[in-house]
Amino acid sequence: MTTYEFTFETDLIEEHLQDKIDDQFDALVSSQGQTFFVTLEADGPNAVTAASASATALEALGIHVRRVTEDLVSRNDIAERAGKTPQAVGAWVRGDRQRQAAVAFPAPYNYVAGGVWLWSEVNEWLAQVHPEAADDVSYLAREDYAAINYMLNTRRTITTRAVADVAWTGQGYWNDAIATKHVVMAHRMSPAQGKVWGEHFRKAAVDESWDSYTLAG
């Protein structure tokens, strides 16, 4: 198993859910306006499996995961994370240091503002050329970002065409669930609330063109 670090972009995360995330994942929650970010580490045989399991767990808490965001770094960011000077990083980028001749510094992910790089590619280069400055955590490669976001988008499409069930339990609670191959979201509520949510499901079944809808109780 490998430990991966990645960041999800999500919808608004209420304060009580931030506490749950901290308890369950020991994750860092940050925000910019109404957009929130959850940075966490997860184990898995590969990056897509680790991210899928983490997204499922977050969505089970009622958090909408939009996508996984690229870990992009500027020259100054690289210097800070590698514990080197900006001048040294500039030399790496230009190819001035003879030591790096056999292993070229990675190309920028984007050339905006003098260039930004994927930290995973920079860290991989550091592991080969300056191992003392490299992290021992695995980060997502370019193809991982594409695969994970494809997975999230596909799951979102499946969810809108899922079968919704509202079922009465012996404890006197209603369980409402949107079930797909990847995620199950459930909320416990009173019978009165359950009836209200049943109407929401009926409307969603029409508006979202779900294949079928059943109400049992």
Protein backbone atom coordinates (compact mmCIF):
# COMPACT_ATOMS: atom_id res chain seq x y z
CA MET A 1 0.00 0.00 0.00
CA THR A 2 1.14 3.53 -0.79
CA THR A 3 0.26 6.73 1.08
CA TYR A 4 -0.97 9.49 -1.22
CA GLU A 5 -1.61 13.15 -0.46
CA PHE A 6 -4.18 15.08 -2.47
CA THR A 7 -6.68 17.93 -2.23
CA PHE A 8 -10.38 17.84 -3.05
CA GLU A 9 -12.35 20.92 -4.04
CA THR A 10 -15.81 20.83 -2.44
CA ASP A 11 -18.95 22.84 -1.90
CA LEU A 12 -19.50 24.78 1.34
CA ILE A 13 -18.55 22.72 4.40
CA GLU A 14 -20.44 23.65 7.55
CA GLU A 15 -18.44 24.03 10.76
CA HIS A 16 -19.83 20.89 12.38
CA LEU A 17 -18.78 18.88 9.33
CA GLN A 18 -15.29 20.37 9.49
CA ASP A 19 -15.01 18.90 12.98
CA LYS A 20 -16.08 15.50 11.67
CA ILE A 21 -13.53 15.68 8.86
CA ASP A 22 -10.81 16.52 11.36
CA ASP A 23 -11.82 13.60 13.58
CA GLN A 24 -12.15 11.04 10.78
CA PHE A 25 -9.38 12.05 8.39
CA ASP A 26 -7.04 14.38 10.30
CA ALA A 27 -7.35 16.55 7.18
CA LEU A 28 -6.72 20.23 6.51
CA VAL A 29 -9.83 22.21 5.54
CA SER A 30 -9.36 25.60 3.88
CA SER A 31 -11.54 27.90 1.80
CA GLN A 32 -11.65 30.66 -0.76
CA GLY A 33 -15.05 32.32 -0.71
CA GLN A 34 -17.72 29.60 -1.01
CA THR A 35 -15.24 27.05 -2.36
CA PHE A 36 -13.68 24.70 0.17
CA PHE A 37 -10.63 22.46 -0.05
CA VAL A 38 -9.89 19.28 1.88
CA THR A 39 -6.26 18.13 1.91
CA LEU A 40 -5.69 14.64 3.26
CA GLU A 41 -3.57 11.53 3.06
CA ALA A 42 -4.96 8.11 2.17
CA ASP A 43 -3.53 4.64 1.60
CA GLY A 44 -4.24 2.56 -1.45
CA PRO A 45 -2.77 0.27 -4.09
CA ASN A 46 -2.94 3.21 -6.49
CA ALA A 47 -3.92 6.87 -6.46
CA VAL A 48 -7.34 6.43 -8.06
CA THR A 49 -8.42 3.79 -5.53
CA ALA A 50 -7.21 5.89 -2.60
CA ALA A 51 -8.97 9.01 -3.88
CA SER A 52 -12.19 7.15 -4.69
CA ALA A 53 -12.40 5.71 -1.16
CA SER A 54 -11.73 9.13 0.37
CA ALA A 55 -14.33 10.85 -1.83
CA THR A 56 -16.89 8.20 -0.88
CA ALA A 57 -16.20 8.74 2.83
CA LEU A 58 -16.51 12.53 2.49
CA GLU A 59 -19.76 12.27 0.54
CA ALA A 60 -21.14 9.92 3.18
CA LEU A 61 -20.78 12.87 5.57
CA GLY A 62 -22.88 15.00 3.20
CA ILE A 63 -19.98 16.82 1.52
CA HIS A 64 -20.16 17.32 -2.24
CA VAL A 65 -16.75 16.62 -3.79
CA ARG A 66 -16.32 18.57 -7.03
CA ARG A 67 -12.87 17.49 -8.17
CA VAL A 68 -9.30 16.84 -7.13
CA THR A 69 -7.14 19.94 -7.56
CA GLU A 70 -3.62 20.05 -8.96
CA ASP A 71 -0.82 20.67 -6.47
CA LEU A 72 0.87 23.47 -8.42
CA VAL A 73 3.98 25.32 -7.23
CA SER A 74 5.85 28.41 -8.35
CA ARG A 75 9.63 28.80 -8.14
CA ASN A 76 9.28 30.38 -4.69
CA ASP A 77 6.99 27.56 -3.57
CA ILE A 78 9.55 25.00 -4.73
CA ALA A 79 12.30 26.79 -2.82
CA GLU A 80 10.20 26.81 0.37
CA ARG A 81 9.10 23.18 0.16
CA ALA A 82 12.56 21.91 -0.80
CA GLY A 83 14.39 24.03 1.77
CA LYS A 84 16.50 25.69 -0.92
CA THR A 85 17.05 29.26 -2.06
CA PRO A 86 15.07 30.79 -4.95
CA GLN A 87 18.40 31.28 -6.71
CA ALA A 88 19.10 27.54 -6.54
CA VAL A 89 15.66 26.76 -7.96
CA GLY A 90 16.27 29.25 -10.76
CA ALA A 91 19.48 27.41 -11.64
CA TRP A 92 17.60 24.08 -11.69
CA VAL A 93 14.97 25.49 -14.02
CA ARG A 94 17.57 26.95 -16.37
CA GLY A 95 19.69 23.80 -16.29
CA ASP A 96 22.76 25.62 -14.98
CA ARG A 97 23.84 22.95 -12.50
CA GLN A 98 26.01 20.25 -14.04
CA ARG A 99 24.81 17.72 -11.44
CA GLN A 100 21.36 17.66 -12.96
CA ALA A 101 22.55 17.07 -16.55
CA ALA A 102 21.51 13.41 -16.56
CA VAL A 103 18.02 14.20 -15.17
CA ALA A 104 16.36 17.25 -16.67
CA PHE A 105 14.19 19.42 -14.43
CA PRO A 106 10.52 18.82 -15.28
CA ALA A 107 8.74 21.10 -17.71
CA PRO A 108 6.21 23.56 -16.24
CA TYR A 109 2.61 22.41 -16.00
CA ASN A 110 1.67 25.88 -17.20
CA TYR A 111 3.85 28.80 -18.27
CA VAL A 112 1.72 31.47 -16.59
CA ALA A 113 3.60 33.98 -14.40
CA GLY A 114 7.01 32.51 -15.14
CA GLY A 115 5.83 28.92 -14.87
CA VAL A 116 4.09 26.67 -12.36
CA TRP A 117 4.99 23.02 -11.83
CA LEU A 118 3.25 19.93 -10.52
CA TRP A 119 4.80 19.25 -7.13
CA SER A 120 4.71 15.50 -7.79
CA GLU A 121 7.03 15.95 -10.78
CA VAL A 122 9.33 18.30 -8.90
CA ASN A 123 9.44 15.95 -5.91
CA GLU A 124 10.26 13.00 -8.16
CA TRP A 125 13.14 14.99 -9.65
CA LEU A 126 14.36 15.95 -6.18
CA ALA A 127 14.32 12.30 -5.12
CA GLN A 128 16.79 11.55 -7.89
CA VAL A 129 18.99 14.65 -7.75
CA HIS A 130 18.59 16.11 -4.25
CA PRO A 131 17.13 13.28 -2.14
CA GLU A 132 17.65 15.21 1.08
CA ALA A 133 15.05 17.75 -0.13
CA ALA A 134 12.39 15.29 -1.31
CA ASP A 135 9.20 14.34 0.54
CA ASP A 136 8.54 10.70 1.38
CA VAL A 137 4.83 11.05 0.54
CA SER A 138 3.48 10.09 -2.89
CA TYR A 139 1.69 12.82 -4.83
CA LEU A 140 -0.60 12.57 -7.82
CA ALA A 141 0.86 12.38 -11.31
CA ARG A 142 -0.69 14.17 -14.28
CA GLU A 143 -2.53 11.06 -15.39
CA ASP A 144 -3.84 10.52 -11.84
CA TYR A 145 -5.61 13.89 -11.84
CA ALA A 146 -7.29 13.09 -15.14
CA ALA A 147 -8.33 9.60 -14.02
CA ILE A 148 -9.67 10.71 -10.63
CA ASN A 149 -11.68 13.62 -12.04
CA TYR A 150 -13.07 11.34 -14.74
CA MET A 151 -14.11 8.92 -12.01
CA LEU A 152 -15.79 11.71 -10.02
CA ASN A 153 -17.64 13.04 -13.07
CA THR A 154 -18.77 9.56 -14.06
CA ARG A 155 -20.01 8.84 -10.55
CA ARG A 156 -21.92 12.13 -10.54
CA THR A 157 -23.65 11.16 -13.79
CA ILE A 158 -24.59 7.76 -12.37
CA THR A 159 -25.92 9.36 -9.18
CA THR A 160 -28.38 11.59 -11.05
CA ARG A 161 -29.86 8.49 -12.67
CA ALA A 162 -29.89 6.34 -9.56
CA VAL A 163 -32.78 4.61 -7.86
CA ALA A 164 -33.84 6.52 -4.73
CA ASP A 165 -35.35 4.57 -1.86
CA VAL A 166 -37.04 5.85 1.29
CA ALA A 167 -37.54 2.99 3.73
CA TRP A 168 -39.15 2.74 7.17
CA THR A 169 -37.00 1.16 9.84
CA GLY A 170 -38.07 -0.74 12.96
CA GLN A 171 -36.58 2.01 15.16
CA GLY A 172 -39.07 4.57 13.89
CA TYR A 173 -36.60 6.46 11.70
CA TRP A 174 -36.62 7.11 8.00
CA ASN A 175 -33.52 6.33 5.97
CA ASP A 176 -33.21 8.06 2.63
CA ALA A 177 -30.47 6.90 0.32
CA ILE A 178 -29.11 7.74 -3.09
CA ALA A 179 -27.21 4.61 -4.08
CA THR A 180 -24.70 4.15 -6.87
CA LYS A 181 -21.90 1.73 -7.56
CA HIS A 182 -19.54 4.01 -5.65
CA VAL A 183 -21.37 5.86 -2.88
CA VAL A 184 -24.28 5.60 -0.48
CA MET A 185 -25.49 8.76 1.28
CA ALA A 186 -27.83 8.26 4.21
CA HIS A 187 -29.51 10.55 6.71
CA ARG A 188 -31.52 9.56 9.78
CA MET A 189 -34.65 11.61 10.32
CA SER A 190 -38.08 11.56 11.96
CA PRO A 191 -41.16 10.13 10.20
CA ALA A 192 -42.41 13.67 9.51
CA GLN A 193 -39.09 14.65 7.97
CA GLY A 194 -39.07 11.41 6.02
CA LYS A 195 -42.39 12.25 4.39
CA VAL A 196 -41.09 15.67 3.38
CA TRP A 197 -37.95 14.14 1.91
CA GLY A 198 -40.06 11.56 0.12
CA GLU A 199 -41.68 14.44 -1.78
CA HIS A 200 -38.24 15.85 -2.58
CA PHE A 201 -37.25 12.46 -4.00
CA ARG A 202 -40.39 12.29 -6.13
CA LYS A 203 -39.62 15.71 -7.59
CA ALA A 204 -35.95 14.86 -8.11
CA ALA A 205 -36.93 11.65 -9.88
CA VAL A 206 -38.78 13.73 -12.46
CA ASP A 207 -36.40 16.69 -12.67
CA GLU A 208 -33.23 14.57 -12.86
CA SER A 209 -34.74 11.87 -15.10
CA TRP A 210 -33.87 9.00 -12.76
CA ASP A 211 -34.54 5.60 -14.29
CA SER A 212 -36.90 4.66 -11.46
CA TYR A 213 -38.10 5.69 -8.05
CA THR A 214 -39.60 3.63 -5.24
CA LEU A 215 -41.10 4.59 -1.88
CA ALA A 216 -41.43 1.83 0.70
CA GLY A 217 -42.63 2.06 4.26
